[in-house]
Amino acid sequence: MSEALRTRVRGLMGRARDDLAELVAFRSVYDPSQYPEQECRGAAQWVLDACRAEGLTDAGLHEMPDGSVAVVARKAAPAGKPTVLLYSHYDVQPPGDETAWLTDPWHLTDQPDGRWYGRGAADCKGNLVMHLTALRALGPDLPVGVVLVAEGSEEQGGAGLEEFVPAHPDLTRADIVLVADSGNVEVGVPTFTRTLRGTVNVVVSVATLEGPMHSGSYGGPAPDALVALIRVLGSLHDEKGNVTVRGLEADQRWAGVAYPEDRFRADAGVLDGVGLTGGGTVADHVWARPALTVLGIDCPPVVGSAAAVQASARARLNLRVPPGTDAHEALRLLTAHLEEVAPWQVRLTVEPEAVGEPFSARTGGPAYNLMSEAFKSAFGQDPVSQGQGGSIPLCTVFQRTYPDAEIMLFGVEEPSCLIHAPNESVDPSEIEHFAYAEALFLGSL
């Protein structure tokens, strides 16, 4: 059976590329200020139609509390068989500066390195295509129950499914949850993601004057909002780059597999001669400790700026917190820190955008062991496990809603994919191998 299944998956890879090309063409950024809402709606409808075509006929589009749309497509389990939930998301990150792309981000493009380039090619439309390819390889008479869930606001930190799943537990109920929004440590090395950091997004705003004032006439005593914001942001890290939010633990250690510094430098594209930040190991920092990033600043651009003291400025911050840290408590500590360090009695406000709890998966259960064997068959080597610095708050929601379910994280997003950056790509062999492993797993349950 396994070799015949492998052959079927390999024969479906041309169709997988066609599917991915159609999906990448949707500019499905869940932000109406940047892209029309119908781009996300179109992608959702595409996923719905594809699921129905593969026999998941109990399917529909569901309005989420945050305004996005999720696809939920089901096929009931045969008597005595388990139900498996297959998760992914169809929304994508904005492409950023499109001039930094070597190819059109909205057109799936083959490059000489053998990879397929386009926004969402890996994160996470490539994983959606992987799920569909696994289902096609098995055929319409699925041996287990399946619930495919495709989210529409994951990249913007939307609270769609996080509120919807607990309110509608029977709609997505499953015995096993496969979250395909992660990746291997490198191409061809099958990898379970064991932990995820939680996330806290806030916008911090500073106001000091009724309006910008001439820097010659008023500069000096007039409190500059941008300078105040810079001072506030500078208090969030020490001279080594460690997070210094007051009351937030930031010296944890990672006890699992190492993340070699040279590999991290290559994965992250660190420039020659530039040092890494923080104390401890790379694995400590990306998998076990908090990280605080300034995602954006609203202030006058250099080109066109006037000689004026700024009256207001704001920044968007992203705080990642590891398992063992409560994300809502981290939000409280971050807010208190920002308010406490603000200089000159400036008017500072902190607006929370999103809060998601960290996650830690249980390992060693029967489904986990069966998937380990499927990974070994597909990739030709035993799987490894890692942490991940990113956040998927929905994993914690699944864990709380279905406490007896085994939850596994994996996917096609290895470091060379450059997810969230220009020139995102996917190695098609990752789609093929994971589709085969998933089909083998579903067929063996």
Protein backbone atom coordinates (compact mmCIF):
# COMPACT_ATOMS: atom_id res chain seq x y z
CA MET A 1 0.00 0.00 0.00
CA SER A 2 2.68 2.51 1.00
CA GLU A 3 4.57 2.44 -2.31
CA ALA A 4 1.38 2.67 -4.33
CA LEU A 5 0.36 5.64 -2.17
CA ARG A 6 3.75 7.29 -2.66
CA THR A 7 3.34 6.88 -6.43
CA ARG A 8 -0.12 8.44 -6.32
CA VAL A 9 1.16 11.45 -4.40
CA ARG A 10 4.05 11.91 -6.83
CA GLY A 11 1.61 11.78 -9.73
CA LEU A 12 -0.50 14.51 -8.12
CA MET A 13 2.32 17.06 -7.83
CA GLY A 14 1.50 18.73 -11.16
CA ARG A 15 -2.01 19.35 -9.92
CA ALA A 16 -0.60 20.54 -6.60
CA ARG A 17 1.41 23.19 -8.42
CA ASP A 18 -1.66 24.29 -10.39
CA ASP A 19 -3.65 24.56 -7.15
CA LEU A 20 -0.94 26.57 -5.47
CA ALA A 21 -0.68 28.92 -8.45
CA GLU A 22 -4.42 29.60 -8.27
CA LEU A 23 -4.28 30.20 -4.51
CA VAL A 24 -1.21 32.46 -4.64
CA ALA A 25 -3.01 34.66 -7.19
CA PHE A 26 -5.50 35.70 -4.49
CA ARG A 27 -4.11 38.75 -2.65
CA SER A 28 -5.64 37.40 0.51
CA VAL A 29 -4.19 39.82 3.07
CA TYR A 30 -6.83 40.24 5.76
CA ASP A 31 -6.64 44.02 5.92
CA PRO A 32 -9.25 45.99 3.94
CA SER A 33 -7.07 49.10 4.17
CA GLN A 34 -4.51 47.34 1.96
CA TYR A 35 -6.44 44.87 -0.23
CA PRO A 36 -10.11 44.45 -1.23
CA GLU A 37 -12.12 42.14 1.00
CA GLN A 38 -13.13 40.04 -2.00
CA GLU A 39 -9.55 38.74 -2.30
CA CYS A 40 -9.95 36.86 0.99
CA ARG A 41 -13.51 35.87 0.12
CA GLY A 42 -12.33 34.52 -3.21
CA ALA A 43 -9.59 32.45 -1.58
CA ALA A 44 -12.06 31.08 0.97
CA GLN A 45 -14.49 30.09 -1.79
CA TRP A 46 -11.66 28.39 -3.70
CA VAL A 47 -10.79 26.30 -0.64
CA LEU A 48 -14.44 25.46 -0.05
CA ASP A 49 -14.93 24.29 -3.64
CA ALA A 50 -11.74 22.21 -3.50
CA CYS A 51 -12.86 20.50 -0.28
CA ARG A 52 -16.26 19.65 -1.73
CA ALA A 53 -14.60 18.23 -4.83
CA GLU A 54 -12.62 15.83 -2.60
CA GLY A 55 -15.70 14.49 -0.84
CA LEU A 56 -15.91 16.83 2.17
CA THR A 57 -19.46 17.75 1.22
CA ASP A 58 -20.57 18.88 4.69
CA ALA A 59 -18.83 22.20 4.08
CA GLY A 60 -19.47 25.89 4.41
CA LEU A 61 -18.11 29.39 4.99
CA HIS A 62 -18.44 30.68 8.53
CA GLU A 63 -18.36 34.32 9.61
CA MET A 64 -15.87 34.83 12.41
CA PRO A 65 -16.24 37.29 15.31
CA ASP A 66 -13.43 39.44 13.84
CA GLY A 67 -15.19 39.72 10.46
CA SER A 68 -13.06 37.17 8.62
CA VAL A 69 -14.34 33.97 7.00
CA ALA A 70 -13.25 30.44 7.87
CA VAL A 71 -13.79 27.31 5.82
CA VAL A 72 -14.98 24.23 7.71
CA ALA A 73 -15.41 21.09 5.58
CA ARG A 74 -16.27 17.69 7.02
CA LYS A 75 -16.76 14.06 6.20
CA ALA A 76 -18.09 11.81 8.96
CA ALA A 77 -15.96 8.97 10.28
CA PRO A 78 -16.82 5.37 9.45
CA ALA A 79 -18.10 3.44 12.45
CA GLY A 80 -15.41 2.97 15.07
CA LYS A 81 -12.87 5.21 13.31
CA PRO A 82 -11.40 8.46 14.64
CA THR A 83 -11.88 11.95 13.25
CA VAL A 84 -8.81 13.99 12.24
CA LEU A 85 -8.80 17.78 11.98
CA LEU A 86 -6.54 19.24 9.27
CA TYR A 87 -5.75 22.92 9.94
CA SER A 88 -4.17 25.61 7.81
CA HIS A 89 -4.93 29.22 6.81
CA TYR A 90 -5.46 30.91 3.46
CA ASP A 91 -4.67 34.50 4.47
CA VAL A 92 -1.12 35.76 3.94
CA GLN A 93 1.26 38.45 5.08
CA PRO A 94 1.46 41.63 2.98
CA PRO A 95 4.27 41.37 0.42
CA GLY A 96 6.02 44.48 1.75
CA ASP A 97 8.25 46.27 -0.72
CA GLU A 98 7.39 44.54 -3.98
CA THR A 99 10.54 45.95 -5.60
CA ALA A 100 12.52 43.67 -3.25
CA TRP A 101 10.94 40.61 -4.87
CA LEU A 102 12.76 38.87 -7.70
CA THR A 103 9.38 37.68 -9.04
CA ASP A 104 5.76 38.85 -8.90
CA PRO A 105 4.60 37.94 -5.36
CA TRP A 106 1.11 37.15 -6.64
CA HIS A 107 2.22 34.82 -9.44
CA LEU A 108 3.67 31.42 -8.55
CA THR A 109 7.02 31.30 -10.32
CA ASP A 110 9.49 28.46 -10.85
CA GLN A 111 13.11 29.42 -10.33
CA PRO A 112 16.32 27.59 -11.35
CA ASP A 113 16.85 26.47 -7.74
CA GLY A 114 13.76 24.25 -8.15
CA ARG A 115 11.64 26.19 -5.67
CA TRP A 116 8.23 27.79 -6.27
CA TYR A 117 8.12 31.51 -5.43
CA GLY A 118 5.14 33.60 -4.37
CA ARG A 119 3.49 35.12 -1.31
CA GLY A 120 1.89 32.30 0.66
CA ALA A 121 3.68 29.59 -1.33
CA ALA A 122 4.76 28.15 2.02
CA ASP A 123 2.87 30.14 4.68
CA CYS A 124 0.34 28.82 4.50
CA LYS A 125 -1.17 28.04 1.10
CA GLY A 126 1.50 25.42 0.49
CA ASN A 127 0.24 23.58 3.57
CA LEU A 128 -3.35 23.80 2.35
CA VAL A 129 -2.29 22.24 -0.94
CA MET A 130 -0.43 19.55 1.01
CA HIS A 131 -3.66 18.64 2.86
CA LEU A 132 -5.63 18.51 -0.41
CA THR A 133 -2.97 16.37 -2.08
CA ALA A 134 -3.04 13.87 0.80
CA LEU A 135 -6.83 13.60 0.56
CA ARG A 136 -6.70 13.13 -3.22
CA ALA A 137 -4.14 10.37 -2.87
CA LEU A 138 -6.47 8.48 -0.55
CA GLY A 139 -9.49 8.92 -2.79
CA PRO A 140 -13.13 9.66 -1.93
CA ASP A 141 -13.60 6.68 0.40
CA LEU A 142 -11.62 8.13 3.29
CA PRO A 143 -10.78 5.58 5.98
CA VAL A 144 -11.31 8.07 8.83
CA GLY A 145 -13.40 11.12 9.57
CA VAL A 146 -11.90 14.41 8.39
CA VAL A 147 -12.53 18.03 9.32
CA LEU A 148 -10.55 20.52 7.25
CA VAL A 149 -10.37 24.01 8.74
CA ALA A 150 -8.89 26.95 6.83
CA GLU A 151 -8.65 30.22 8.72
CA GLY A 152 -8.79 33.69 7.17
CA SER A 153 -7.17 36.10 9.65
CA GLU A 154 -4.28 34.21 11.25
CA GLU A 155 -1.55 36.49 9.93
CA GLN A 156 -3.16 39.63 11.34
CA GLY A 157 -3.59 38.14 14.80
CA GLY A 158 -7.35 38.02 14.40
CA ALA A 159 -9.41 36.36 17.12
CA GLY A 160 -11.64 34.54 14.64
CA LEU A 161 -11.38 30.81 15.28
CA GLU A 162 -10.06 31.38 18.79
CA GLU A 163 -13.53 32.55 19.79
CA PHE A 164 -15.50 30.48 17.28
CA VAL A 165 -14.17 27.01 18.17
CA PRO A 166 -15.16 27.07 21.88
CA ALA A 167 -18.57 28.49 20.93
CA HIS A 168 -19.15 25.74 18.31
CA PRO A 169 -17.17 22.75 19.65
CA ASP A 170 -19.10 20.07 17.77
CA LEU A 171 -18.40 21.66 14.38
CA THR A 172 -14.64 21.05 14.59
CA ARG A 173 -14.55 18.22 17.13
CA ALA A 174 -11.76 15.72 16.45
CA ASP A 175 -9.73 13.00 18.12
CA ILE A 176 -6.49 14.12 16.43
CA VAL A 177 -5.52 17.64 15.32
CA LEU A 178 -2.87 18.15 12.63
CA VAL A 179 -1.77 21.79 12.50
CA ALA A 180 0.12 22.42 9.26
CA ASP A 181 1.62 25.85 9.88
CA SER A 182 5.18 25.02 10.84
CA GLY A 183 8.22 23.45 9.21
CA ASN A 184 11.31 21.31 9.18
CA VAL A 185 14.60 22.44 10.66
CA GLU A 186 15.91 22.13 7.11
CA VAL A 187 14.69 20.66 3.84
CA GLY A 188 14.29 16.90 4.08
CA VAL A 189 14.56 16.61 7.87
CA PRO A 190 11.09 15.69 9.24
CA THR A 191 10.36 17.84 12.26
CA PHE A 192 7.67 18.07 14.90
CA THR A 193 7.22 21.50 16.44
CA ARG A 194 6.84 20.87 20.16
CA THR A 195 6.39 24.39 21.57
CA LEU A 196 5.15 27.77 20.38
CA ARG A 197 5.53 31.17 21.93
CA GLY A 198 2.43 33.20 22.67
CA THR A 199 1.97 36.69 21.30
CA VAL A 200 1.02 40.15 22.54
CA ASN A 201 0.52 42.98 20.04
CA VAL A 202 0.06 46.57 21.22
CA VAL A 203 0.16 50.06 19.74
CA VAL A 204 1.84 52.62 22.00
CA SER A 205 1.10 56.30 21.29
CA VAL A 206 2.79 59.43 22.66
CA ALA A 207 1.35 62.95 22.48
CA THR A 208 3.02 66.13 23.75
CA LEU A 209 1.85 69.20 21.78
CA GLU A 210 -1.27 70.44 20.06
CA GLY A 211 0.63 70.24 16.78
CA PRO A 212 4.17 70.19 15.30
CA MET A 213 6.14 73.33 16.22
CA HIS A 214 9.13 75.05 14.57
CA SER A 215 12.30 73.38 15.87
CA GLY A 216 14.21 76.67 15.89
CA SER A 217 11.66 78.65 17.83
CA TYR A 218 10.52 75.94 20.21
CA GLY A 219 13.09 73.13 20.08
CA GLY A 220 14.64 72.48 23.49
CA PRO A 221 11.93 73.00 26.07
CA ALA A 222 9.11 71.77 23.82
CA PRO A 223 8.75 68.03 24.53
CA ASP A 224 9.40 66.07 21.35
CA ALA A 225 6.96 63.14 21.10
CA LEU A 226 9.24 61.17 18.81
CA VAL A 227 12.22 61.52 21.16
CA ALA A 228 9.99 60.45 24.06
CA LEU A 229 8.86 57.40 22.10
CA ILE A 230 12.47 56.52 21.27
CA ARG A 231 13.35 56.69 24.97
CA VAL A 232 10.41 54.44 25.82
CA LEU A 233 11.35 51.87 23.17
CA GLY A 234 14.99 51.97 24.23
CA SER A 235 14.00 50.82 27.72
CA LEU A 236 12.68 47.49 26.44
CA HIS A 237 16.13 45.90 25.93
CA ASP A 238 19.46 46.04 27.74
CA GLU A 239 22.80 46.71 26.07
CA LYS A 240 23.05 43.05 24.99
CA GLY A 241 19.56 42.97 23.54
CA ASN A 242 17.83 41.01 26.32
CA VAL A 243 14.19 41.92 26.99
CA THR A 244 13.89 44.12 30.08
CA VAL A 245 10.15 44.51 30.60
CA ARG A 246 9.86 44.87 34.35
CA GLY A 247 8.54 41.72 36.02
CA LEU A 248 8.77 39.57 32.87
CA GLU A 249 11.05 36.52 33.18
CA ALA A 250 13.67 36.55 30.43
CA ASP A 251 16.42 34.11 31.43
CA GLN A 252 14.82 30.73 30.64
CA ARG A 253 16.83 27.86 29.14
CA TRP A 254 15.90 25.51 26.27
CA ALA A 255 16.45 21.86 27.17
CA GLY A 256 15.89 20.28 23.75
CA VAL A 257 17.74 20.17 20.43
CA ALA A 258 20.28 22.92 19.82
CA TYR A 259 19.99 25.63 17.17
CA PRO A 260 23.60 26.13 15.96
CA GLU A 261 24.59 29.76 15.68
CA ASP A 262 26.00 29.40 12.17
CA ARG A 263 22.77 27.86 10.94
CA PHE A 264 20.71 30.57 12.61
CA ARG A 265 22.87 33.29 11.03
CA ALA A 266 22.32 31.73 7.62
CA ASP A 267 18.59 31.17 8.21
CA ALA A 268 18.07 34.74 9.42
CA GLY A 269 20.33 36.35 6.81
CA VAL A 270 22.48 38.09 9.43
CA LEU A 271 25.06 40.30 7.72
CA ASP A 272 28.74 39.37 8.02
CA GLY A 273 30.32 40.89 11.10
CA VAL A 274 27.02 41.77 12.77
CA GLY A 275 26.61 40.21 16.20
CA LEU A 276 23.59 38.36 17.58
CA THR A 277 21.70 39.88 20.46
CA GLY A 278 21.04 38.61 23.96
CA GLY A 279 22.81 36.22 26.30
CA GLY A 280 22.44 32.45 26.33
CA THR A 281 22.12 30.21 23.31
CA VAL A 282 20.19 30.80 20.11
CA ALA A 283 17.71 28.09 21.13
CA ASP A 284 17.21 29.80 24.49
CA HIS A 285 16.21 33.00 22.77
CA VAL A 286 13.97 31.76 19.97
CA TRP A 287 12.22 28.90 21.80
CA ALA A 288 12.38 29.55 25.58
CA ARG A 289 12.55 33.32 26.18
CA PRO A 290 10.43 36.35 25.35
CA ALA A 291 11.25 38.48 22.32
CA LEU A 292 10.09 42.05 21.76
CA THR A 293 10.05 43.53 18.27
CA VAL A 294 9.15 47.02 17.06
CA LEU A 295 6.99 46.19 14.05
CA GLY A 296 6.45 49.75 12.85
CA ILE A 297 6.66 53.44 13.79
CA ASP A 298 4.43 56.28 12.69
CA CYS A 299 6.54 59.43 12.38
CA PRO A 300 7.57 61.77 9.57
CA PRO A 301 9.65 60.06 6.86
CA VAL A 302 13.09 61.48 6.15
CA VAL A 303 12.12 62.63 2.67
CA GLY A 304 9.77 65.57 3.06
CA SER A 305 10.31 66.05 6.78
CA ALA A 306 10.10 69.58 8.15
CA ALA A 307 12.17 71.37 10.81
CA ALA A 308 9.61 70.77 13.52
CA VAL A 309 9.28 69.34 17.02
CA GLN A 310 6.92 66.39 16.70
CA ALA A 311 3.61 66.55 18.56
CA SER A 312 2.80 62.84 18.36
CA ALA A 313 4.30 59.48 17.43
CA ARG A 314 3.34 55.87 17.83
CA ALA A 315 4.76 52.38 17.43
CA ARG A 316 3.39 48.88 17.02
CA LEU A 317 5.05 46.31 19.26
CA ASN A 318 5.05 42.51 19.15
CA LEU A 319 5.96 40.59 22.31
CA ARG A 320 6.46 36.82 22.01
CA VAL A 321 6.23 34.86 25.27
CA PRO A 322 7.33 31.23 25.82
CA PRO A 323 5.38 28.35 27.40
CA GLY A 324 5.14 28.94 31.12
CA THR A 325 4.38 32.65 30.71
CA ASP A 326 0.77 33.82 30.73
CA ALA A 327 0.22 36.10 27.75
CA HIS A 328 -2.40 38.26 29.49
CA GLU A 329 -0.06 38.79 32.42
CA ALA A 330 2.68 39.69 29.92
CA LEU A 331 0.34 42.29 28.42
CA ARG A 332 -0.24 43.76 31.87
CA LEU A 333 3.49 43.90 32.62
CA LEU A 334 4.32 45.44 29.22
CA THR A 335 1.62 48.09 29.60
CA ALA A 336 2.78 48.96 33.12
CA HIS A 337 6.39 49.18 31.96
CA LEU A 338 5.59 51.51 29.07
CA GLU A 339 3.54 53.79 31.31
CA GLU A 340 6.19 53.85 34.02
CA VAL A 341 9.17 54.73 31.83
CA ALA A 342 7.44 57.45 29.79
CA PRO A 343 9.45 60.69 30.32
CA TRP A 344 8.29 64.28 30.92
CA GLN A 345 4.72 63.39 31.87
CA VAL A 346 3.90 62.83 28.19
CA ARG A 347 0.47 61.49 27.34
CA LEU A 348 1.08 57.84 26.64
CA THR A 349 -1.58 55.31 25.72
CA VAL A 350 -1.28 51.58 25.09
CA GLU A 351 -3.86 49.95 22.86
CA PRO A 352 -3.91 46.11 22.89
CA GLU A 353 -4.41 44.51 19.46
CA ALA A 354 -4.09 40.78 20.05
CA VAL A 355 -3.22 38.35 22.83
CA GLY A 356 -2.49 34.66 22.26
CA GLU A 357 -1.27 32.10 24.76
CA PRO A 358 1.85 29.95 24.24
CA PHE A 359 1.54 26.24 23.50
CA SER A 360 3.30 23.03 24.43
CA ALA A 361 2.36 19.77 22.69
CA ARG A 362 2.14 16.40 24.35
CA THR A 363 4.29 13.73 22.71
CA GLY A 364 4.49 9.95 22.86
CA GLY A 365 0.82 9.13 22.29
CA PRO A 366 -0.33 6.49 19.80
CA ALA A 367 -1.12 9.02 17.04
CA TYR A 368 2.21 10.76 17.57
CA ASN A 369 4.05 7.44 17.30
CA LEU A 370 2.13 6.51 14.15
CA MET A 371 2.91 9.89 12.57
CA SER A 372 6.58 9.43 13.50
CA GLU A 373 6.61 6.22 11.48
CA ALA A 374 4.86 7.98 8.58
CA PHE A 375 7.48 10.74 8.65
CA LYS A 376 10.25 8.17 8.62
CA SER A 377 8.70 6.40 5.63
CA ALA A 378 8.23 9.65 3.73
CA PHE A 379 11.60 11.28 4.42
CA GLY A 380 13.80 8.25 4.97
CA GLN A 381 14.93 9.26 8.46
CA ASP A 382 13.60 9.53 11.99
CA PRO A 383 11.89 12.82 12.85
CA VAL A 384 13.34 15.39 15.20
CA SER A 385 11.54 17.94 17.34
CA GLN A 386 12.08 21.65 17.88
CA GLY A 387 10.49 24.70 19.43
CA GLN A 388 9.25 27.58 17.34
CA GLY A 389 9.44 31.24 18.17
CA GLY A 390 6.24 32.01 16.30
CA SER A 391 2.72 31.90 17.67
CA ILE A 392 -0.41 29.96 16.78
CA PRO A 393 -2.81 30.80 19.64
CA LEU A 394 -5.44 28.52 18.14
CA CYS A 395 -3.36 25.51 19.24
CA THR A 396 -4.04 26.36 22.88
CA VAL A 397 -7.74 26.80 22.05
CA PHE A 398 -7.81 23.32 20.46
CA GLN A 399 -6.02 21.92 23.50
CA ARG A 400 -8.52 23.44 25.92
CA THR A 401 -11.59 22.61 23.83
CA TYR A 402 -10.56 19.01 23.06
CA PRO A 403 -8.36 18.02 26.03
CA ASP A 404 -8.16 14.36 25.00
CA ALA A 405 -7.07 15.06 21.40
CA GLU A 406 -3.48 14.56 20.26
CA ILE A 407 -2.22 17.74 18.60
CA MET A 408 0.75 17.70 16.21
CA LEU A 409 2.44 20.60 14.44
CA PHE A 410 4.45 20.29 11.24
CA GLY A 411 4.50 21.66 7.70
CA VAL A 412 6.38 22.88 4.65
CA GLU A 413 7.77 26.16 6.09
CA GLU A 414 11.50 25.38 6.52
CA PRO A 415 13.94 28.32 6.95
CA SER A 416 14.75 28.76 3.26
CA CYS A 417 11.09 29.61 2.61
CA LEU A 418 11.64 33.17 3.93
CA ILE A 419 8.07 33.37 5.19
CA HIS A 420 6.89 36.93 6.01
CA ALA A 421 9.77 38.30 3.90
CA PRO A 422 10.24 39.19 0.23
CA ASN A 423 10.87 36.23 -2.08
CA GLU A 424 8.90 33.67 -0.10
CA SER A 425 9.14 30.23 -1.67
CA VAL A 426 8.50 26.56 -1.06
CA ASP A 427 10.49 23.46 -1.95
CA PRO A 428 7.97 21.23 -3.76
CA SER A 429 9.61 18.14 -2.30
CA GLU A 430 8.41 19.26 1.13
CA ILE A 431 4.81 19.36 -0.12
CA GLU A 432 5.23 15.92 -1.69
CA HIS A 433 6.83 14.30 1.34
CA PHE A 434 4.37 15.72 3.84
CA ALA A 435 1.37 14.89 1.65
CA TYR A 436 2.59 11.30 1.47
CA ALA A 437 3.24 11.17 5.22
CA GLU A 438 -0.19 12.59 6.01
CA ALA A 439 -1.94 10.24 3.61
CA LEU A 440 -0.02 7.28 5.03
CA PHE A 441 -0.95 8.37 8.56
CA LEU A 442 -4.66 8.77 7.74
CA GLY A 443 -4.71 5.43 5.94
CA SER A 444 -3.06 3.65 8.87
CA LEU A 445 -5.28 4.87 11.71
